[in-house]
Structures are given as structure tokens and as C-alpha cells.
Amino acid sequence: QSESLVVCDVDEDLVKKLKEFRFRKETNNAAIISELY
């Protein structure tokens, strides 16, 4: 559920990336964390 909390704070563009990266869950988490931080 951590992803849902992140989506609430991220921009719509990042949300779209999240959906696209969902296919790669592991890479998705790393990529999002890198962008946010």
C-alpha cells in the first residue's frame, strides 16, 4: 500500500510512470525513490 501513499503526493506525470513501471515492480520502486529523493 506504500505505492498508493506515494501516488497521493507525486504529480500526475509520476503517477503515469508508476502505472507503466508496475510491470517492473522492483525497478519501479528504485526508480520512483530516485526521482522523489
C-alpha atoms as a PDB file:
ATOM      1  CA  GLN A   1       0.000   0.000   0.000  1.00  0.00           C
ATOM      2  CA  SER A   2       3.055   2.250   0.242  1.00  0.00           C
ATOM      3  CA  GLU A   3       2.732   2.892  -3.507  1.00  0.00           C
ATOM      4  CA  SER A   4      -0.755   4.358  -3.006  1.00  0.00           C
ATOM      5  CA  LEU A   5       0.544   6.806  -0.398  1.00  0.00           C
ATOM      6  CA  VAL A   6       3.331   7.870  -2.753  1.00  0.00           C
ATOM      7  CA  VAL A   7       0.891   8.374  -5.625  1.00  0.00           C
ATOM      8  CA  CYS A   8      -1.122  10.763  -3.453  1.00  0.00           C
ATOM      9  CA  ASP A   9       1.895  13.072  -3.151  1.00  0.00           C
ATOM     10  CA  VAL A  10       3.501  12.607  -6.562  1.00  0.00           C
ATOM     11  CA  ASP A  11       2.424  14.501  -9.678  1.00  0.00           C
ATOM     12  CA  GLU A  12       0.115  13.050 -12.316  1.00  0.00           C
ATOM     13  CA  ASP A  13       3.117  12.537 -14.612  1.00  0.00           C
ATOM     14  CA  LEU A  14       4.819  10.395 -11.986  1.00  0.00           C
ATOM     15  CA  VAL A  15       1.573   8.507 -11.452  1.00  0.00           C
ATOM     16  CA  LYS A  16       1.531   7.600 -15.138  1.00  0.00           C
ATOM     17  CA  LYS A  17       5.128   6.402 -14.838  1.00  0.00           C
ATOM     18  CA  LEU A  18       4.117   4.348 -11.816  1.00  0.00           C
ATOM     19  CA  LYS A  19       1.463   2.551 -13.850  1.00  0.00           C
ATOM     20  CA  GLU A  20       3.920   1.937 -16.681  1.00  0.00           C
ATOM     21  CA  PHE A  21       6.607   0.721 -14.276  1.00  0.00           C
ATOM     22  CA  ARG A  22       4.153  -1.526 -12.434  1.00  0.00           C
ATOM     23  CA  PHE A  23       5.190  -4.212 -14.906  1.00  0.00           C
ATOM     24  CA  ARG A  24       8.627  -3.966 -13.280  1.00  0.00           C
ATOM     25  CA  LYS A  25       7.827  -3.777  -9.581  1.00  0.00           C
ATOM     26  CA  GLU A  26      11.396  -3.976  -8.286  1.00  0.00           C
ATOM     27  CA  THR A  27      12.762  -1.464 -10.799  1.00  0.00           C
ATOM     28  CA  ASN A  28       9.685   0.691 -10.234  1.00  0.00           C
ATOM     29  CA  ASN A  29      10.350   1.193  -6.526  1.00  0.00           C
ATOM     30  CA  ALA A  30      14.008   2.045  -7.138  1.00  0.00           C
ATOM     31  CA  ALA A  31      13.205   4.479  -9.963  1.00  0.00           C
ATOM     32  CA  ILE A  32      10.495   6.308  -8.025  1.00  0.00           C
ATOM     33  CA  ILE A  33      12.617   6.643  -4.902  1.00  0.00           C
ATOM     34  CA  SER A  34      15.462   8.017  -7.026  1.00  0.00           C
ATOM     35  CA  GLU A  35      13.186  10.633  -8.612  1.00  0.00           C
ATOM     36  CA  LEU A  36      11.484  11.664  -5.366  1.00  0.00           C
ATOM     37  CA  TYR A  37      14.761  11.852  -3.440  1.00  0.00           C
END
